Amino acid sequence: MQTLPEPDLDYMQKVLLEMLAIPSPTGFTDTIVRYVAERLEELEIPFELTRRGTIRATLRGRQSEYERFDRAVSVHLDTIGAMVREIKDNGRLGLAPVGCWSSRFAEGSRVSLFTDNGVIRGSVLPLLASGHAFNTAVDSMPVSWDHVELRLDAYCATRADCDTLGIAVGDFVAFDPLPEFSESGHISARHLDDKAGAAALLASLKAIRDQGLQPMIDCHPLFTITEEVGSGAAAALPWDVSEFVG
């Protein structure tokens, strides 16, 4: 029985950290797609991009095309995030979530706002953020995206200030991942869903290449980009895939 190769854990940690550093909320994934494509090129694994931007790679198996029943393994590169839905008169920004997630996990986050003029840093805070100003009212705020806002690290006190900075409704907002690798081996970060899976898949592909192994049947690693908004890998699956893990 063939022994499975051990993955290169240093490589897996390296690519995980590099992917976590690339903002990729759904709809803003071009950079991370290019990153993964470069890693596949380094491993000499052929791939193609679908019209939607999904990466469909192929590990050729030993069996002929008439005997094989292809397999596919899917991970996704997109993450939750937000976009600007409202520019307020006081220069603060209302947000709409990208993906399905609660605003309670957004409160207090540091973020990057991507505008046509560049990147602006800021913080997502409740509408009533200061206990000194609002006393116990800070504890009675409902949990919803209607009750948080983005305050920018820039002079932005009016709608006109936002216009000057090039801010527009629909601009993407990426939340800092804050990765932490503990001595116990635990990894904590935002967006491990599913960049940890993508790192594990890349490390597995590297192990196969390093050992010069060839699967019995064709295998298609898929890296999708719209999972967080409900669209998975179905549109990218080759027609002859009979088993799928995702």
C-alpha atoms as a PDB file:
ATOM      1  CA  MET A   1       0.000   0.000   0.000  1.00  0.00           C
ATOM      2  CA  GLN A   2       1.368   3.385  -0.999  1.00  0.00           C
ATOM      3  CA  THR A   3       2.424   5.618   1.895  1.00  0.00           C
ATOM      4  CA  LEU A   4       0.975   9.107   1.813  1.00  0.00           C
ATOM      5  CA  PRO A   5       3.607  11.864   1.750  1.00  0.00           C
ATOM      6  CA  GLU A   6       3.948  14.208   4.704  1.00  0.00           C
ATOM      7  CA  PRO A   7       3.024  17.818   3.897  1.00  0.00           C
ATOM      8  CA  ASP A   8       5.579  20.597   4.268  1.00  0.00           C
ATOM      9  CA  LEU A   9       4.138  22.399   7.300  1.00  0.00           C
ATOM     10  CA  ASP A  10       6.512  25.357   6.950  1.00  0.00           C
ATOM     11  CA  TYR A  11       5.272  25.855   3.398  1.00  0.00           C
ATOM     12  CA  MET A  12       1.666  25.546   4.528  1.00  0.00           C
ATOM     13  CA  GLN A  13       2.155  28.190   7.228  1.00  0.00           C
ATOM     14  CA  LYS A  14       3.960  30.475   4.787  1.00  0.00           C
ATOM     15  CA  VAL A  15       1.242  30.398   2.138  1.00  0.00           C
ATOM     16  CA  LEU A  16      -1.462  30.717   4.795  1.00  0.00           C
ATOM     17  CA  LEU A  17       0.102  33.893   6.181  1.00  0.00           C
ATOM     18  CA  GLU A  18       0.589  35.291   2.687  1.00  0.00           C
ATOM     19  CA  MET A  19      -3.025  34.590   1.733  1.00  0.00           C
ATOM     20  CA  LEU A  20      -4.345  36.062   4.978  1.00  0.00           C
ATOM     21  CA  ALA A  21      -2.446  39.243   4.111  1.00  0.00           C
ATOM     22  CA  ILE A  22      -4.330  39.534   0.802  1.00  0.00           C
ATOM     23  CA  PRO A  23      -7.779  41.150   1.195  1.00  0.00           C
ATOM     24  CA  SER A  24     -10.335  39.061  -0.693  1.00  0.00           C
ATOM     25  CA  PRO A  25     -13.977  39.688   0.202  1.00  0.00           C
ATOM     26  CA  THR A  26     -16.297  38.162  -2.371  1.00  0.00           C
ATOM     27  CA  GLY A  27     -16.167  40.331  -5.484  1.00  0.00           C
ATOM     28  CA  PHE A  28     -12.637  41.562  -4.717  1.00  0.00           C
ATOM     29  CA  THR A  29     -10.614  38.418  -5.391  1.00  0.00           C
ATOM     30  CA  ASP A  30      -8.389  39.151  -8.399  1.00  0.00           C
ATOM     31  CA  THR A  31      -5.208  39.522  -6.324  1.00  0.00           C
ATOM     32  CA  ILE A  32      -5.576  36.284  -4.393  1.00  0.00           C
ATOM     33  CA  VAL A  33      -6.500  34.386  -7.566  1.00  0.00           C
ATOM     34  CA  ARG A  34      -3.240  35.598  -9.120  1.00  0.00           C
ATOM     35  CA  TYR A  35      -1.369  34.548  -5.981  1.00  0.00           C
ATOM     36  CA  VAL A  36      -2.714  30.978  -6.066  1.00  0.00           C
ATOM     37  CA  ALA A  37      -2.137  30.762  -9.821  1.00  0.00           C
ATOM     38  CA  GLU A  38       1.531  31.642  -9.235  1.00  0.00           C
ATOM     39  CA  ARG A  39       1.838  28.898  -6.599  1.00  0.00           C
ATOM     40  CA  LEU A  40       0.375  26.348  -9.026  1.00  0.00           C
ATOM     41  CA  GLU A  41       2.804  27.484 -11.723  1.00  0.00           C
ATOM     42  CA  GLU A  42       5.693  26.955  -9.290  1.00  0.00           C
ATOM     43  CA  LEU A  43       4.440  23.406  -8.708  1.00  0.00           C
ATOM     44  CA  GLU A  44       4.040  22.899 -12.476  1.00  0.00           C
ATOM     45  CA  ILE A  45       0.398  21.961 -12.057  1.00  0.00           C
ATOM     46  CA  PRO A  46      -1.684  22.932 -15.102  1.00  0.00           C
ATOM     47  CA  PHE A  47      -4.811  24.979 -14.510  1.00  0.00           C
ATOM     48  CA  GLU A  48      -7.358  27.150 -16.241  1.00  0.00           C
ATOM     49  CA  LEU A  49      -9.490  30.084 -15.167  1.00  0.00           C
ATOM     50  CA  THR A  50     -13.214  29.906 -15.732  1.00  0.00           C
ATOM     51  CA  ARG A  51     -15.036  32.990 -16.969  1.00  0.00           C
ATOM     52  CA  ARG A  52     -16.101  33.687 -13.384  1.00  0.00           C
ATOM     53  CA  GLY A  53     -12.518  33.496 -12.128  1.00  0.00           C
ATOM     54  CA  THR A  54     -12.477  30.064 -10.486  1.00  0.00           C
ATOM     55  CA  ILE A  55      -9.165  28.197 -10.746  1.00  0.00           C
ATOM     56  CA  ARG A  56      -9.605  24.669 -12.094  1.00  0.00           C
ATOM     57  CA  ALA A  57      -6.375  22.674 -11.859  1.00  0.00           C
ATOM     58  CA  THR A  58      -5.696  19.112 -12.988  1.00  0.00           C
ATOM     59  CA  LEU A  59      -3.506  16.301 -11.675  1.00  0.00           C
ATOM     60  CA  ARG A  60      -3.461  13.644 -14.379  1.00  0.00           C
ATOM     61  CA  GLY A  61      -4.039  10.075 -13.234  1.00  0.00           C
ATOM     62  CA  ARG A  62      -2.535   6.826 -14.454  1.00  0.00           C
ATOM     63  CA  GLN A  63      -5.731   5.358 -15.868  1.00  0.00           C
ATOM     64  CA  SER A  64      -6.923   6.044 -19.383  1.00  0.00           C
ATOM     65  CA  GLU A  65      -9.741   8.471 -20.039  1.00  0.00           C
ATOM     66  CA  TYR A  66     -12.116   5.567 -20.690  1.00  0.00           C
ATOM     67  CA  GLU A  67     -11.446   3.935 -17.314  1.00  0.00           C
ATOM     68  CA  ARG A  68     -11.289   6.916 -15.044  1.00  0.00           C
ATOM     69  CA  PHE A  69     -13.884   8.417 -12.778  1.00  0.00           C
ATOM     70  CA  ASP A  70     -12.507  11.849 -11.974  1.00  0.00           C
ATOM     71  CA  ARG A  71     -12.418  13.345  -8.496  1.00  0.00           C
ATOM     72  CA  ALA A  72     -12.467  16.997  -7.444  1.00  0.00           C
ATOM     73  CA  VAL A  73     -11.496  18.822  -4.252  1.00  0.00           C
ATOM     74  CA  SER A  74     -12.707  22.379  -3.719  1.00  0.00           C
ATOM     75  CA  VAL A  75     -11.712  25.241  -1.430  1.00  0.00           C
ATOM     76  CA  HIS A  76     -12.682  28.889  -1.665  1.00  0.00           C
ATOM     77  CA  LEU A  77     -10.533  32.013  -1.697  1.00  0.00           C
ATOM     78  CA  ASP A  78     -13.201  34.628  -1.013  1.00  0.00           C
ATOM     79  CA  THR A  79     -14.002  35.801   2.504  1.00  0.00           C
ATOM     80  CA  ILE A  80     -16.706  37.684   4.320  1.00  0.00           C
ATOM     81  CA  GLY A  81     -16.383  41.462   4.287  1.00  0.00           C
ATOM     82  CA  ALA A  82     -18.505  44.522   3.619  1.00  0.00           C
ATOM     83  CA  MET A  83     -19.142  47.310   1.168  1.00  0.00           C
ATOM     84  CA  VAL A  84     -20.214  50.911   1.466  1.00  0.00           C
ATOM     85  CA  ARG A  85     -23.993  51.199   1.227  1.00  0.00           C
ATOM     86  CA  GLU A  86     -24.400  54.780   2.477  1.00  0.00           C
ATOM     87  CA  ILE A  87     -22.339  57.961   2.769  1.00  0.00           C
ATOM     88  CA  LYS A  88     -23.707  59.914   5.714  1.00  0.00           C
ATOM     89  CA  ASP A  89     -23.887  63.683   6.066  1.00  0.00           C
ATOM     90  CA  ASN A  90     -21.382  63.494   8.955  1.00  0.00           C
ATOM     91  CA  GLY A  91     -18.782  61.732   6.796  1.00  0.00           C
ATOM     92  CA  ARG A  92     -19.277  58.307   8.311  1.00  0.00           C
ATOM     93  CA  LEU A  93     -20.144  55.289   6.216  1.00  0.00           C
ATOM     94  CA  GLY A  94     -22.991  52.811   6.473  1.00  0.00           C
ATOM     95  CA  LEU A  95     -22.058  49.256   5.567  1.00  0.00           C
ATOM     96  CA  ALA A  96     -23.709  46.246   3.992  1.00  0.00           C
ATOM     97  CA  PRO A  97     -22.245  42.815   4.737  1.00  0.00           C
ATOM     98  CA  VAL A  98     -20.620  40.743   2.022  1.00  0.00           C
ATOM     99  CA  GLY A  99     -21.605  37.219   2.941  1.00  0.00           C
ATOM    100  CA  CYS A 100     -23.924  36.205   5.745  1.00  0.00           C
ATOM    101  CA  TRP A 101     -22.444  37.226   9.097  1.00  0.00           C
ATOM    102  CA  SER A 102     -23.436  39.185  12.173  1.00  0.00           C
ATOM    103  CA  SER A 103     -22.426  42.777  12.781  1.00  0.00           C
ATOM    104  CA  ARG A 104     -21.515  41.786  16.358  1.00  0.00           C
ATOM    105  CA  PHE A 105     -18.329  40.270  14.932  1.00  0.00           C
ATOM    106  CA  ALA A 106     -17.552  43.462  13.007  1.00  0.00           C
ATOM    107  CA  GLU A 107     -17.707  45.878  15.944  1.00  0.00           C
ATOM    108  CA  GLY A 108     -14.276  47.186  16.876  1.00  0.00           C
ATOM    109  CA  SER A 109     -12.582  45.768  13.790  1.00  0.00           C
ATOM    110  CA  ARG A 110      -9.845  47.545  11.922  1.00  0.00           C
ATOM    111  CA  VAL A 111     -10.491  47.595   8.194  1.00  0.00           C
ATOM    112  CA  SER A 112      -9.250  48.774   4.815  1.00  0.00           C
ATOM    113  CA  LEU A 113     -11.559  50.688   2.474  1.00  0.00           C
ATOM    114  CA  PHE A 114     -10.704  50.327  -1.210  1.00  0.00           C
ATOM    115  CA  THR A 115     -11.550  53.401  -3.275  1.00  0.00           C
ATOM    116  CA  ASP A 116     -10.682  54.440  -6.815  1.00  0.00           C
ATOM    117  CA  ASN A 117      -8.060  56.766  -5.295  1.00  0.00           C
ATOM    118  CA  GLY A 118      -6.413  54.225  -3.002  1.00  0.00           C
ATOM    119  CA  VAL A 119      -6.788  52.485   0.352  1.00  0.00           C
ATOM    120  CA  ILE A 120      -8.070  54.248   3.481  1.00  0.00           C
ATOM    121  CA  ARG A 121      -7.846  52.677   6.920  1.00  0.00           C
ATOM    122  CA  GLY A 122     -10.604  52.900   9.496  1.00  0.00           C
ATOM    123  CA  SER A 123     -12.587  51.243  12.296  1.00  0.00           C
ATOM    124  CA  VAL A 124     -16.073  49.757  12.440  1.00  0.00           C
ATOM    125  CA  LEU A 125     -17.867  51.017  15.553  1.00  0.00           C
ATOM    126  CA  PRO A 126     -21.407  51.045  16.983  1.00  0.00           C
ATOM    127  CA  LEU A 127     -23.420  54.203  16.421  1.00  0.00           C
ATOM    128  CA  LEU A 128     -23.264  54.751  20.192  1.00  0.00           C
ATOM    129  CA  ALA A 129     -19.669  53.786  20.891  1.00  0.00           C
ATOM    130  CA  SER A 130     -18.651  55.900  23.879  1.00  0.00           C
ATOM    131  CA  GLY A 131     -19.805  54.988  27.367  1.00  0.00           C
ATOM    132  CA  HIS A 132     -18.700  58.437  28.564  1.00  0.00           C
ATOM    133  CA  ALA A 133     -21.023  60.081  26.045  1.00  0.00           C
ATOM    134  CA  PHE A 134     -24.000  57.706  26.050  1.00  0.00           C
ATOM    135  CA  ASN A 135     -23.785  55.971  29.440  1.00  0.00           C
ATOM    136  CA  THR A 136     -25.789  52.721  29.668  1.00  0.00           C
ATOM    137  CA  ALA A 137     -27.363  53.296  26.248  1.00  0.00           C
ATOM    138  CA  VAL A 138     -24.282  51.618  24.786  1.00  0.00           C
ATOM    139  CA  ASP A 139     -25.554  48.314  26.224  1.00  0.00           C
ATOM    140  CA  SER A 140     -29.013  48.590  24.674  1.00  0.00           C
ATOM    141  CA  MET A 141     -27.941  48.980  21.041  1.00  0.00           C
ATOM    142  CA  PRO A 142     -29.544  46.384  18.755  1.00  0.00           C
ATOM    143  CA  VAL A 143     -27.219  44.016  16.925  1.00  0.00           C
ATOM    144  CA  SER A 144     -27.544  44.779  13.223  1.00  0.00           C
ATOM    145  CA  TRP A 145     -25.634  46.354  10.366  1.00  0.00           C
ATOM    146  CA  ASP A 146     -27.962  49.365  10.693  1.00  0.00           C
ATOM    147  CA  HIS A 147     -26.337  50.115  14.047  1.00  0.00           C
ATOM    148  CA  VAL A 148     -22.652  50.110  13.096  1.00  0.00           C
ATOM    149  CA  GLU A 149     -20.683  52.477  10.901  1.00  0.00           C
ATOM    150  CA  LEU A 150     -17.224  52.890   9.425  1.00  0.00           C
ATOM    151  CA  ARG A 151     -15.187  55.795  10.779  1.00  0.00           C
ATOM    152  CA  LEU A 152     -12.162  56.563   8.641  1.00  0.00           C
ATOM    153  CA  ASP A 153      -8.611  57.474   9.623  1.00  0.00           C
ATOM    154  CA  ALA A 154      -8.900  60.596   7.491  1.00  0.00           C
ATOM    155  CA  TYR A 155     -10.464  64.017   7.828  1.00  0.00           C
ATOM    156  CA  CYS A 156     -13.981  63.189   6.788  1.00  0.00           C
ATOM    157  CA  ALA A 157     -16.665  65.257   8.519  1.00  0.00           C
ATOM    158  CA  THR A 158     -19.082  65.805   5.627  1.00  0.00           C
ATOM    159  CA  ARG A 159     -20.368  64.056   2.542  1.00  0.00           C
ATOM    160  CA  ALA A 160     -18.242  66.455   0.478  1.00  0.00           C
ATOM    161  CA  ASP A 161     -15.120  65.280   2.323  1.00  0.00           C
ATOM    162  CA  CYS A 162     -15.955  61.715   1.298  1.00  0.00           C
ATOM    163  CA  ASP A 163     -16.361  62.812  -2.312  1.00  0.00           C
ATOM    164  CA  THR A 164     -12.942  64.480  -2.186  1.00  0.00           C
ATOM    165  CA  LEU A 165     -11.401  61.226  -0.937  1.00  0.00           C
ATOM    166  CA  GLY A 166     -12.984  59.341  -3.835  1.00  0.00           C
ATOM    167  CA  ILE A 167     -15.324  57.288  -1.661  1.00  0.00           C
ATOM    168  CA  ALA A 168     -18.361  55.816  -3.399  1.00  0.00           C
ATOM    169  CA  VAL A 169     -21.241  53.518  -2.590  1.00  0.00           C
ATOM    170  CA  GLY A 170     -20.160  49.994  -3.504  1.00  0.00           C
ATOM    171  CA  ASP A 171     -16.532  50.372  -2.398  1.00  0.00           C
ATOM    172  CA  PHE A 172     -15.230  47.194  -0.775  1.00  0.00           C
ATOM    173  CA  VAL A 173     -14.219  46.949   2.881  1.00  0.00           C
ATOM    174  CA  ALA A 174     -11.804  44.229   4.039  1.00  0.00           C
ATOM    175  CA  PHE A 175     -11.459  43.249   7.699  1.00  0.00           C
ATOM    176  CA  ASP A 176      -8.001  42.719   9.203  1.00  0.00           C
ATOM    177  CA  PRO A 177      -7.219  39.000   9.708  1.00  0.00           C
ATOM    178  CA  LEU A 178      -5.102  39.409  12.898  1.00  0.00           C
ATOM    179  CA  PRO A 179      -3.302  36.042  12.573  1.00  0.00           C
ATOM    180  CA  GLU A 180      -1.781  34.486  15.681  1.00  0.00           C
ATOM    181  CA  PHE A 181       0.253  31.269  15.781  1.00  0.00           C
ATOM    182  CA  SER A 182       0.586  29.983  19.343  1.00  0.00           C
ATOM    183  CA  GLU A 183       3.346  27.745  20.692  1.00  0.00           C
ATOM    184  CA  SER A 184       0.723  25.062  21.326  1.00  0.00           C
ATOM    185  CA  GLY A 185       0.147  24.847  17.583  1.00  0.00           C
ATOM    186  CA  HIS A 186      -3.184  26.647  17.546  1.00  0.00           C
ATOM    187  CA  ILE A 187      -3.876  29.168  14.806  1.00  0.00           C
ATOM    188  CA  SER A 188      -6.249  32.065  15.344  1.00  0.00           C
ATOM    189  CA  ALA A 189      -7.240  34.452  12.577  1.00  0.00           C
ATOM    190  CA  ARG A 190     -10.178  35.911  10.788  1.00  0.00           C
ATOM    191  CA  HIS A 191     -10.703  34.369   7.339  1.00  0.00           C
ATOM    192  CA  LEU A 192      -9.323  30.905   8.120  1.00  0.00           C
ATOM    193  CA  ASP A 193     -12.557  30.013   6.326  1.00  0.00           C
ATOM    194  CA  ASP A 194     -11.343  29.044   3.861  1.00  0.00           C
ATOM    195  CA  LYS A 195      -7.770  30.242   3.475  1.00  0.00           C
ATOM    196  CA  ALA A 196      -6.656  27.517   5.869  1.00  0.00           C
ATOM    197  CA  GLY A 197      -8.261  25.005   3.527  1.00  0.00           C
ATOM    198  CA  ALA A 198      -6.560  26.607   0.525  1.00  0.00           C
ATOM    199  CA  ALA A 199      -3.178  26.469   2.284  1.00  0.00           C
ATOM    200  CA  ALA A 200      -3.723  22.802   3.181  1.00  0.00           C
ATOM    201  CA  LEU A 201      -4.640  21.972  -0.420  1.00  0.00           C
ATOM    202  CA  LEU A 202      -1.575  23.774  -1.797  1.00  0.00           C
ATOM    203  CA  ALA A 203       0.639  21.952   0.720  1.00  0.00           C
ATOM    204  CA  SER A 204      -0.900  18.628  -0.308  1.00  0.00           C
ATOM    205  CA  LEU A 205      -0.251  19.366  -3.974  1.00  0.00           C
ATOM    206  CA  LYS A 206       3.346  20.297  -3.159  1.00  0.00           C
ATOM    207  CA  ALA A 207       3.820  17.010  -1.280  1.00  0.00           C
ATOM    208  CA  ILE A 208       2.543  15.057  -4.280  1.00  0.00           C
ATOM    209  CA  ARG A 209       4.879  16.924  -6.628  1.00  0.00           C
ATOM    210  CA  ASP A 210       7.888  16.688  -4.290  1.00  0.00           C
ATOM    211  CA  GLN A 211       7.489  12.899  -4.055  1.00  0.00           C
ATOM    212  CA  GLY A 212       6.930  12.494  -7.790  1.00  0.00           C
ATOM    213  CA  LEU A 213       3.588  10.784  -7.207  1.00  0.00           C
ATOM    214  CA  GLN A 214       0.756  10.389  -9.688  1.00  0.00           C
ATOM    215  CA  PRO A 215      -2.825   9.684  -8.620  1.00  0.00           C
ATOM    216  CA  MET A 216      -4.625   6.648  -9.959  1.00  0.00           C
ATOM    217  CA  ILE A 217      -7.304   8.837 -11.540  1.00  0.00           C
ATOM    218  CA  ASP A 218      -7.540  12.462 -12.569  1.00  0.00           C
ATOM    219  CA  CYS A 219      -8.022  14.885  -9.691  1.00  0.00           C
ATOM    220  CA  HIS A 220      -9.183  18.480 -10.080  1.00  0.00           C
ATOM    221  CA  PRO A 221      -8.254  20.935  -7.305  1.00  0.00           C
ATOM    222  CA  LEU A 222     -10.712  23.840  -7.488  1.00  0.00           C
ATOM    223  CA  PHE A 223     -10.226  27.285  -5.953  1.00  0.00           C
ATOM    224  CA  THR A 224     -13.556  29.136  -6.063  1.00  0.00           C
ATOM    225  CA  ILE A 225     -14.313  32.812  -5.370  1.00  0.00           C
ATOM    226  CA  THR A 226     -18.017  33.224  -4.535  1.00  0.00           C
ATOM    227  CA  GLU A 227     -18.715  30.709  -1.765  1.00  0.00           C
ATOM    228  CA  GLU A 228     -19.524  33.333   0.870  1.00  0.00           C
ATOM    229  CA  VAL A 229     -22.494  34.574  -1.158  1.00  0.00           C
ATOM    230  CA  GLY A 230     -23.888  31.112  -1.762  1.00  0.00           C
ATOM    231  CA  SER A 231     -22.317  30.053  -5.057  1.00  0.00           C
ATOM    232  CA  GLY A 232     -20.067  27.019  -4.806  1.00  0.00           C
ATOM    233  CA  ALA A 233     -18.044  24.870  -7.162  1.00  0.00           C
ATOM    234  CA  ALA A 234     -20.840  23.280  -9.194  1.00  0.00           C
ATOM    235  CA  ALA A 235     -20.378  25.579 -12.186  1.00  0.00           C
ATOM    236  CA  ALA A 236     -16.647  24.790 -12.346  1.00  0.00           C
ATOM    237  CA  LEU A 237     -16.815  21.001 -12.035  1.00  0.00           C
ATOM    238  CA  PRO A 238     -15.640  19.064 -15.098  1.00  0.00           C
ATOM    239  CA  TRP A 239     -18.416  16.965 -16.584  1.00  0.00           C
ATOM    240  CA  ASP A 240     -16.746  13.634 -15.788  1.00  0.00           C
ATOM    241  CA  VAL A 241     -16.257  14.166 -12.035  1.00  0.00           C
ATOM    242  CA  SER A 242     -17.952  11.353 -10.134  1.00  0.00           C
ATOM    243  CA  GLU A 243     -16.862  12.220  -6.579  1.00  0.00           C
ATOM    244  CA  PHE A 244     -16.435  15.639  -5.036  1.00  0.00           C
ATOM    245  CA  VAL A 245     -15.090  16.920  -1.696  1.00  0.00           C
ATOM    246  CA  GLY A 246     -15.667  20.550  -0.812  1.00  0.00           C
END
